[in-house]
Amino acid sequence: MSPVNSPSLPFVRVNMAMSADGKIATSSRSIHTFGSPRDSRHLHELRAGADALLCGARTVEETGATMGNGGDEFTRARIASGLAPHPIRVVVSGSASFSPHAELWQHRFSPIHLWMSGSAPAHRAQTLGLLADHVFVSPGDTVDLHAGLVSLARDFHVRSVMVEGGGGLNDSLFQAGLVDELHLTWCPLIFGGALAPTLSDGAGTELLANAARFHLASCERAGDELFLVYRRGNAPHPNPLPTGPC
């Protein structure tokens, strides 16, 4: 895997909360939100600086996410920074299986983009296409995430993207070398379960030499949680964070 480093791409930041045994939800997927109020605030602070949010369809459906900006405080922060009040919301659904009844569609405070593959069934693609503000169709059986990000930067002036899972989408981004920074909240819980989703599910890599490599940029302890920031070695960061011990 060769990291992608192109001025035509937005800065991509992944943010996830993880149990001490590496899970991002329970094996039943019934529990996704388990971090502290500090973790929730950190999420919205990061959203406040993003032009777009990127999330997998299954995660949006299972959590009932609306991908909002966190309220008036963060709206003001975004406007003060010269950003739109709410980020663009991008949902990845390669097979166009995202439910047309998902909660997200009921909240139209910012544009909703849908990324799907060219092999998605036509009837499902048509239904979702009528709901979405913009549809990106990637030729073939999978979604070309690199091309999608290029389109966001070129066509919608997106400079920064925050990714909020799930594990399959994260894995595809890591394997393609598209992640510049990882924000990880490490929580003092053990979920267990071979079927419980992890930070980076999917195909993964078989060789250590092909692993996505990052360095620790900062570490903060808040109560029993650790807030870690990892950065890709050659990632061009617009606002560097200080490096410090936990």
C-alpha atoms as a PDB file:
ATOM      1  CA  MET A   1       0.000   0.000   0.000  1.00  0.00           C
ATOM      2  CA  SER A   2       1.365   3.391  -1.010  1.00  0.00           C
ATOM      3  CA  PRO A   3      -0.070   6.411   0.813  1.00  0.00           C
ATOM      4  CA  VAL A   4      -1.793   8.897  -1.436  1.00  0.00           C
ATOM      5  CA  ASN A   5      -0.511  12.434  -1.035  1.00  0.00           C
ATOM      6  CA  SER A   6      -2.135  14.748  -3.548  1.00  0.00           C
ATOM      7  CA  PRO A   7      -3.155  18.404  -3.407  1.00  0.00           C
ATOM      8  CA  SER A   8      -6.355  17.378  -5.219  1.00  0.00           C
ATOM      9  CA  LEU A   9      -7.483  15.397  -2.170  1.00  0.00           C
ATOM     10  CA  PRO A  10      -9.069  16.796   1.000  1.00  0.00           C
ATOM     11  CA  PHE A  11      -7.462  16.150   4.387  1.00  0.00           C
ATOM     12  CA  VAL A  12      -9.073  12.948   5.723  1.00  0.00           C
ATOM     13  CA  ARG A  13      -9.470  12.437   9.452  1.00  0.00           C
ATOM     14  CA  VAL A  14     -10.970   9.285  11.008  1.00  0.00           C
ATOM     15  CA  ASN A  15     -12.542   9.579  14.453  1.00  0.00           C
ATOM     16  CA  MET A  16     -13.575   6.513  16.451  1.00  0.00           C
ATOM     17  CA  ALA A  17     -14.176   5.417  20.029  1.00  0.00           C
ATOM     18  CA  MET A  18     -12.822   1.934  20.766  1.00  0.00           C
ATOM     19  CA  SER A  19     -13.052  -0.501  23.668  1.00  0.00           C
ATOM     20  CA  ALA A  20      -9.844  -1.710  25.281  1.00  0.00           C
ATOM     21  CA  ASP A  21     -10.084  -4.887  23.186  1.00  0.00           C
ATOM     22  CA  GLY A  22     -10.403  -2.999  19.914  1.00  0.00           C
ATOM     23  CA  LYS A  23     -14.171  -3.079  19.331  1.00  0.00           C
ATOM     24  CA  ILE A  24     -16.264  -0.176  18.055  1.00  0.00           C
ATOM     25  CA  ALA A  25     -19.612  -1.810  18.913  1.00  0.00           C
ATOM     26  CA  THR A  26     -20.894  -4.897  20.678  1.00  0.00           C
ATOM     27  CA  SER A  27     -21.296  -8.197  18.823  1.00  0.00           C
ATOM     28  CA  SER A  28     -25.036  -7.525  18.424  1.00  0.00           C
ATOM     29  CA  ARG A  29     -24.248  -4.013  17.141  1.00  0.00           C
ATOM     30  CA  SER A  30     -26.866  -2.780  19.607  1.00  0.00           C
ATOM     31  CA  ILE A  31     -24.393  -0.525  21.430  1.00  0.00           C
ATOM     32  CA  HIS A  32     -22.376   1.968  19.396  1.00  0.00           C
ATOM     33  CA  THR A  33     -22.146   4.996  21.688  1.00  0.00           C
ATOM     34  CA  PHE A  34     -20.180   4.171  24.817  1.00  0.00           C
ATOM     35  CA  GLY A  35     -17.669   6.981  25.286  1.00  0.00           C
ATOM     36  CA  SER A  36     -17.893   9.669  27.941  1.00  0.00           C
ATOM     37  CA  PRO A  37     -19.433  13.145  27.511  1.00  0.00           C
ATOM     38  CA  ARG A  38     -15.862  14.322  26.860  1.00  0.00           C
ATOM     39  CA  ASP A  39     -15.654  11.913  23.935  1.00  0.00           C
ATOM     40  CA  SER A  40     -18.974  13.179  22.574  1.00  0.00           C
ATOM     41  CA  ARG A  41     -17.747  16.762  22.773  1.00  0.00           C
ATOM     42  CA  HIS A  42     -14.510  15.808  21.047  1.00  0.00           C
ATOM     43  CA  LEU A  43     -16.583  14.344  18.204  1.00  0.00           C
ATOM     44  CA  HIS A  44     -18.479  17.583  17.723  1.00  0.00           C
ATOM     45  CA  GLU A  45     -15.335  19.679  18.019  1.00  0.00           C
ATOM     46  CA  LEU A  46     -13.849  17.719  15.139  1.00  0.00           C
ATOM     47  CA  ARG A  47     -17.062  17.959  13.137  1.00  0.00           C
ATOM     48  CA  ALA A  48     -16.963  21.727  13.641  1.00  0.00           C
ATOM     49  CA  GLY A  49     -13.778  21.903  11.565  1.00  0.00           C
ATOM     50  CA  ALA A  50     -14.828  19.581   8.735  1.00  0.00           C
ATOM     51  CA  ASP A  51     -16.267  20.563   5.375  1.00  0.00           C
ATOM     52  CA  ALA A  52     -17.805  17.104   4.978  1.00  0.00           C
ATOM     53  CA  LEU A  53     -18.654  14.018   7.045  1.00  0.00           C
ATOM     54  CA  LEU A  54     -18.228  10.556   5.521  1.00  0.00           C
ATOM     55  CA  CYS A  55     -19.957   7.467   6.876  1.00  0.00           C
ATOM     56  CA  GLY A  56     -20.943   3.980   5.767  1.00  0.00           C
ATOM     57  CA  ALA A  57     -24.629   3.333   5.156  1.00  0.00           C
ATOM     58  CA  ARG A  58     -24.905   0.488   7.663  1.00  0.00           C
ATOM     59  CA  THR A  59     -23.474   2.623  10.445  1.00  0.00           C
ATOM     60  CA  VAL A  60     -25.853   5.496   9.657  1.00  0.00           C
ATOM     61  CA  GLU A  61     -28.841   3.142   9.677  1.00  0.00           C
ATOM     62  CA  GLU A  62     -27.914   1.202  12.806  1.00  0.00           C
ATOM     63  CA  THR A  63     -27.215   4.300  14.883  1.00  0.00           C
ATOM     64  CA  GLY A  64     -30.034   6.452  13.524  1.00  0.00           C
ATOM     65  CA  ALA A  65     -27.421   9.101  12.829  1.00  0.00           C
ATOM     66  CA  THR A  66     -28.369  12.482  11.412  1.00  0.00           C
ATOM     67  CA  MET A  67     -24.730  13.615  11.200  1.00  0.00           C
ATOM     68  CA  GLY A  68     -25.501  16.975  12.766  1.00  0.00           C
ATOM     69  CA  ASN A  69     -22.989  19.578  13.875  1.00  0.00           C
ATOM     70  CA  GLY A  70     -23.722  19.370  17.608  1.00  0.00           C
ATOM     71  CA  GLY A  71     -25.881  22.437  18.124  1.00  0.00           C
ATOM     72  CA  ASP A  72     -25.715  26.232  18.238  1.00  0.00           C
ATOM     73  CA  GLU A  73     -22.286  26.451  19.865  1.00  0.00           C
ATOM     74  CA  PHE A  74     -20.694  24.507  17.031  1.00  0.00           C
ATOM     75  CA  THR A  75     -22.750  26.311  14.389  1.00  0.00           C
ATOM     76  CA  ARG A  76     -21.285  29.591  15.634  1.00  0.00           C
ATOM     77  CA  ALA A  77     -17.783  28.103  15.655  1.00  0.00           C
ATOM     78  CA  ARG A  78     -18.152  26.941  12.062  1.00  0.00           C
ATOM     79  CA  ILE A  79     -19.442  30.297  10.859  1.00  0.00           C
ATOM     80  CA  ALA A  80     -16.642  32.112  12.699  1.00  0.00           C
ATOM     81  CA  SER A  81     -14.161  29.878  10.846  1.00  0.00           C
ATOM     82  CA  GLY A  82     -15.706  30.720   7.488  1.00  0.00           C
ATOM     83  CA  LEU A  83     -17.450  27.356   7.089  1.00  0.00           C
ATOM     84  CA  ALA A  84     -21.049  26.585   6.232  1.00  0.00           C
ATOM     85  CA  PRO A  85     -23.259  26.130   9.324  1.00  0.00           C
ATOM     86  CA  HIS A  86     -23.383  22.366   8.721  1.00  0.00           C
ATOM     87  CA  PRO A  87     -20.990  20.030   6.883  1.00  0.00           C
ATOM     88  CA  ILE A  88     -21.925  18.145   3.741  1.00  0.00           C
ATOM     89  CA  ARG A  89     -23.049  14.627   4.700  1.00  0.00           C
ATOM     90  CA  VAL A  90     -21.737  11.777   2.554  1.00  0.00           C
ATOM     91  CA  VAL A  91     -23.082   8.228   2.863  1.00  0.00           C
ATOM     92  CA  VAL A  92     -21.294   5.327   1.160  1.00  0.00           C
ATOM     93  CA  SER A  93     -23.617   2.547  -0.018  1.00  0.00           C
ATOM     94  CA  GLY A  94     -21.999   0.552  -2.793  1.00  0.00           C
ATOM     95  CA  SER A  95     -25.054  -1.592  -3.459  1.00  0.00           C
ATOM     96  CA  ALA A  96     -27.533   1.266  -2.868  1.00  0.00           C
ATOM     97  CA  SER A  97     -29.022  -0.747  -0.002  1.00  0.00           C
ATOM     98  CA  PHE A  98     -29.268   2.305   2.248  1.00  0.00           C
ATOM     99  CA  SER A  99     -32.837   2.518   3.481  1.00  0.00           C
ATOM    100  CA  PRO A 100     -34.968   5.302   1.968  1.00  0.00           C
ATOM    101  CA  HIS A 101     -36.651   5.417   5.387  1.00  0.00           C
ATOM    102  CA  ALA A 102     -33.469   6.071   7.368  1.00  0.00           C
ATOM    103  CA  GLU A 103     -33.674   8.863   9.919  1.00  0.00           C
ATOM    104  CA  LEU A 104     -31.026  10.851   8.043  1.00  0.00           C
ATOM    105  CA  TRP A 105     -33.427  11.656   5.207  1.00  0.00           C
ATOM    106  CA  GLN A 106     -35.792  13.406   7.626  1.00  0.00           C
ATOM    107  CA  HIS A 107     -33.195  16.075   8.471  1.00  0.00           C
ATOM    108  CA  ARG A 108     -32.348  18.321   5.528  1.00  0.00           C
ATOM    109  CA  PHE A 109     -30.177  20.931   7.263  1.00  0.00           C
ATOM    110  CA  SER A 110     -27.270  20.282   4.855  1.00  0.00           C
ATOM    111  CA  PRO A 111     -26.729  18.500   1.525  1.00  0.00           C
ATOM    112  CA  ILE A 112     -26.756  14.696   1.575  1.00  0.00           C
ATOM    113  CA  HIS A 113     -24.459  12.996  -0.914  1.00  0.00           C
ATOM    114  CA  LEU A 114     -24.727   9.302  -1.769  1.00  0.00           C
ATOM    115  CA  TRP A 115     -21.801   7.292  -3.147  1.00  0.00           C
ATOM    116  CA  MET A 116     -22.689   4.012  -4.867  1.00  0.00           C
ATOM    117  CA  SER A 117     -21.177   1.578  -7.344  1.00  0.00           C
ATOM    118  CA  GLY A 118     -22.166   1.227 -10.975  1.00  0.00           C
ATOM    119  CA  SER A 119     -23.386  -2.311 -10.308  1.00  0.00           C
ATOM    120  CA  ALA A 120     -26.017  -1.227  -7.767  1.00  0.00           C
ATOM    121  CA  PRO A 121     -29.515  -2.438  -8.724  1.00  0.00           C
ATOM    122  CA  ALA A 122     -31.176   0.218 -10.874  1.00  0.00           C
ATOM    123  CA  HIS A 123     -34.423   0.359  -8.891  1.00  0.00           C
ATOM    124  CA  ARG A 124     -32.620   0.988  -5.605  1.00  0.00           C
ATOM    125  CA  ALA A 125     -30.272   3.519  -7.182  1.00  0.00           C
ATOM    126  CA  GLN A 126     -33.218   5.394  -8.659  1.00  0.00           C
ATOM    127  CA  THR A 127     -35.103   5.505  -5.358  1.00  0.00           C
ATOM    128  CA  LEU A 128     -32.137   6.868  -3.423  1.00  0.00           C
ATOM    129  CA  GLY A 129     -31.204   9.202  -6.247  1.00  0.00           C
ATOM    130  CA  LEU A 130     -34.497  11.007  -5.791  1.00  0.00           C
ATOM    131  CA  LEU A 131     -33.708  11.568  -2.115  1.00  0.00           C
ATOM    132  CA  ALA A 132     -30.040  12.549  -2.286  1.00  0.00           C
ATOM    133  CA  ASP A 133     -28.856  16.056  -3.125  1.00  0.00           C
ATOM    134  CA  HIS A 134     -25.958  14.602  -5.086  1.00  0.00           C
ATOM    135  CA  VAL A 135     -25.114  11.083  -6.281  1.00  0.00           C
ATOM    136  CA  PHE A 136     -21.610   9.882  -7.104  1.00  0.00           C
ATOM    137  CA  VAL A 137     -21.588   6.646  -9.109  1.00  0.00           C
ATOM    138  CA  SER A 138     -18.332   4.733  -9.305  1.00  0.00           C
ATOM    139  CA  PRO A 139     -17.879   2.348 -12.273  1.00  0.00           C
ATOM    140  CA  GLY A 140     -17.574  -1.335 -11.374  1.00  0.00           C
ATOM    141  CA  ASP A 141     -18.597  -3.333  -8.327  1.00  0.00           C
ATOM    142  CA  THR A 142     -17.002  -1.189  -5.617  1.00  0.00           C
ATOM    143  CA  VAL A 143     -16.940   2.490  -4.737  1.00  0.00           C
ATOM    144  CA  ASP A 144     -13.741   4.241  -5.788  1.00  0.00           C
ATOM    145  CA  LEU A 145     -13.123   6.241  -2.615  1.00  0.00           C
ATOM    146  CA  HIS A 146     -10.159   8.092  -4.091  1.00  0.00           C
ATOM    147  CA  ALA A 147     -12.287   9.327  -6.982  1.00  0.00           C
ATOM    148  CA  GLY A 148     -15.085  10.274  -4.599  1.00  0.00           C
ATOM    149  CA  LEU A 149     -12.734  12.365  -2.485  1.00  0.00           C
ATOM    150  CA  VAL A 150     -11.291  14.030  -5.584  1.00  0.00           C
ATOM    151  CA  SER A 151     -14.838  14.910  -6.645  1.00  0.00           C
ATOM    152  CA  LEU A 152     -15.596  16.431  -3.236  1.00  0.00           C
ATOM    153  CA  ALA A 153     -12.504  18.622  -3.462  1.00  0.00           C
ATOM    154  CA  ARG A 154     -12.938  19.593  -7.109  1.00  0.00           C
ATOM    155  CA  ASP A 155     -16.698  19.999  -7.383  1.00  0.00           C
ATOM    156  CA  PHE A 156     -17.696  21.059  -3.853  1.00  0.00           C
ATOM    157  CA  HIS A 157     -14.515  22.779  -2.562  1.00  0.00           C
ATOM    158  CA  VAL A 158     -14.169  20.338   0.316  1.00  0.00           C
ATOM    159  CA  ARG A 159     -10.794  20.689   2.035  1.00  0.00           C
ATOM    160  CA  SER A 160     -11.323  18.444   5.058  1.00  0.00           C
ATOM    161  CA  VAL A 161     -13.344  15.270   5.589  1.00  0.00           C
ATOM    162  CA  MET A 162     -14.167  13.573   8.864  1.00  0.00           C
ATOM    163  CA  VAL A 163     -14.861   9.833   8.690  1.00  0.00           C
ATOM    164  CA  GLU A 164     -17.028   8.173  11.351  1.00  0.00           C
ATOM    165  CA  GLY A 165     -16.985   4.508  10.333  1.00  0.00           C
ATOM    166  CA  GLY A 166     -17.903   1.828  10.201  1.00  0.00           C
ATOM    167  CA  GLY A 167     -15.050  -0.606  10.193  1.00  0.00           C
ATOM    168  CA  GLY A 168     -15.477  -1.652   6.559  1.00  0.00           C
ATOM    169  CA  LEU A 169     -15.283   1.908   5.244  1.00  0.00           C
ATOM    170  CA  ASN A 170     -12.344   2.655   7.536  1.00  0.00           C
ATOM    171  CA  ASP A 171     -10.484  -0.396   6.271  1.00  0.00           C
ATOM    172  CA  SER A 172     -10.973   0.573   2.634  1.00  0.00           C
ATOM    173  CA  LEU A 173      -9.642   4.055   3.340  1.00  0.00           C
ATOM    174  CA  PHE A 174      -6.651   2.745   5.294  1.00  0.00           C
ATOM    175  CA  GLN A 175      -5.779   0.195   2.624  1.00  0.00           C
ATOM    176  CA  ALA A 176      -5.939   2.881  -0.073  1.00  0.00           C
ATOM    177  CA  GLY A 177      -3.640   5.174   1.912  1.00  0.00           C
ATOM    178  CA  LEU A 178      -6.299   7.865   2.072  1.00  0.00           C
ATOM    179  CA  VAL A 179      -6.329   8.532   5.831  1.00  0.00           C
ATOM    180  CA  ASP A 180      -4.162  11.420   7.000  1.00  0.00           C
ATOM    181  CA  GLU A 181      -5.044  11.377  10.686  1.00  0.00           C
ATOM    182  CA  LEU A 182      -6.711   9.031  13.182  1.00  0.00           C
ATOM    183  CA  HIS A 183      -8.393  10.278  16.359  1.00  0.00           C
ATOM    184  CA  LEU A 184      -8.943   7.363  18.695  1.00  0.00           C
ATOM    185  CA  THR A 185     -10.706   7.417  22.058  1.00  0.00           C
ATOM    186  CA  TRP A 186      -9.608   4.348  23.998  1.00  0.00           C
ATOM    187  CA  CYS A 187     -12.302   3.408  26.519  1.00  0.00           C
ATOM    188  CA  PRO A 188     -11.954   1.192  29.620  1.00  0.00           C
ATOM    189  CA  LEU A 189     -14.407  -1.491  28.470  1.00  0.00           C
ATOM    190  CA  ILE A 190     -14.093  -5.054  27.218  1.00  0.00           C
ATOM    191  CA  PHE A 191     -16.777  -6.144  24.740  1.00  0.00           C
ATOM    192  CA  GLY A 192     -15.333  -9.401  23.459  1.00  0.00           C
ATOM    193  CA  GLY A 193     -16.969 -11.388  20.703  1.00  0.00           C
ATOM    194  CA  ALA A 194     -15.442 -12.579  17.456  1.00  0.00           C
ATOM    195  CA  LEU A 195     -18.265 -10.909  15.524  1.00  0.00           C
ATOM    196  CA  ALA A 196     -18.020  -7.536  17.232  1.00  0.00           C
ATOM    197  CA  PRO A 197     -16.911  -4.909  14.671  1.00  0.00           C
ATOM    198  CA  THR A 198     -13.451  -3.418  14.973  1.00  0.00           C
ATOM    199  CA  LEU A 199     -11.840  -0.149  13.960  1.00  0.00           C
ATOM    200  CA  SER A 200     -10.785  -1.563  10.586  1.00  0.00           C
ATOM    201  CA  ASP A 201     -12.822  -4.538   9.359  1.00  0.00           C
ATOM    202  CA  GLY A 202     -12.899  -5.750   5.794  1.00  0.00           C
ATOM    203  CA  ALA A 203     -10.174  -7.363   3.709  1.00  0.00           C
ATOM    204  CA  GLY A 204      -7.273  -5.983   5.704  1.00  0.00           C
ATOM    205  CA  THR A 205      -3.686  -6.816   4.836  1.00  0.00           C
ATOM    206  CA  GLU A 206      -1.775 -10.089   5.104  1.00  0.00           C
ATOM    207  CA  LEU A 207       1.737  -8.632   5.249  1.00  0.00           C
ATOM    208  CA  LEU A 208       3.205  -6.409   7.936  1.00  0.00           C
ATOM    209  CA  ALA A 209       5.050  -4.510   5.230  1.00  0.00           C
ATOM    210  CA  ASN A 210       1.705  -3.420   3.783  1.00  0.00           C
ATOM    211  CA  ALA A 211       0.224  -2.166   7.044  1.00  0.00           C
ATOM    212  CA  ALA A 212      -0.985   1.430   7.210  1.00  0.00           C
ATOM    213  CA  ARG A 213       1.643   3.228   9.292  1.00  0.00           C
ATOM    214  CA  PHE A 214       1.099   6.233  11.551  1.00  0.00           C
ATOM    215  CA  HIS A 215       2.994   8.002  14.301  1.00  0.00           C
ATOM    216  CA  LEU A 216       1.615   9.203  17.633  1.00  0.00           C
ATOM    217  CA  ALA A 217       1.092  12.960  17.411  1.00  0.00           C
ATOM    218  CA  SER A 218      -0.587  13.558  20.773  1.00  0.00           C
ATOM    219  CA  CYS A 219      -2.006  11.744  23.785  1.00  0.00           C
ATOM    220  CA  GLU A 220      -4.315  13.058  26.483  1.00  0.00           C
ATOM    221  CA  ARG A 221      -5.821  11.301  29.467  1.00  0.00           C
ATOM    222  CA  ALA A 222      -9.291  12.355  30.628  1.00  0.00           C
ATOM    223  CA  GLY A 223     -10.567  10.243  33.491  1.00  0.00           C
ATOM    224  CA  ASP A 224     -10.185   6.613  32.466  1.00  0.00           C
ATOM    225  CA  GLU A 225     -10.142   7.361  28.737  1.00  0.00           C
ATOM    226  CA  LEU A 226      -7.188   8.056  26.473  1.00  0.00           C
ATOM    227  CA  PHE A 227      -7.532  10.450  23.567  1.00  0.00           C
ATOM    228  CA  LEU A 228      -4.926   9.516  20.974  1.00  0.00           C
ATOM    229  CA  VAL A 229      -4.066  11.246  17.724  1.00  0.00           C
ATOM    230  CA  TYR A 230      -2.089   9.331  15.095  1.00  0.00           C
ATOM    231  CA  ARG A 231      -0.815  10.984  11.933  1.00  0.00           C
ATOM    232  CA  ARG A 232       0.475   9.550   8.715  1.00  0.00           C
ATOM    233  CA  GLY A 233       4.147  10.352   8.329  1.00  0.00           C
ATOM    234  CA  ASN A 234       3.859  12.369   5.135  1.00  0.00           C
ATOM    235  CA  ALA A 235       0.386  13.820   5.650  1.00  0.00           C
ATOM    236  CA  PRO A 236       0.212  17.575   4.941  1.00  0.00           C
ATOM    237  CA  HIS A 237      -1.507  18.929   8.055  1.00  0.00           C
ATOM    238  CA  PRO A 238      -2.986  22.435   7.911  1.00  0.00           C
ATOM    239  CA  ASN A 239      -3.063  22.910  11.714  1.00  0.00           C
ATOM    240  CA  PRO A 240      -0.419  20.768  13.477  1.00  0.00           C
ATOM    241  CA  LEU A 241      -1.222  19.495  16.948  1.00  0.00           C
ATOM    242  CA  PRO A 242       1.345  19.536  19.765  1.00  0.00           C
ATOM    243  CA  THR A 243       3.019  16.269  20.662  1.00  0.00           C
ATOM    244  CA  GLY A 244       2.915  15.366  24.325  1.00  0.00           C
ATOM    245  CA  PRO A 245       2.881  12.420  26.739  1.00  0.00           C
ATOM    246  CA  CYS A 246      -0.257  10.976  28.311  1.00  0.00           C
END
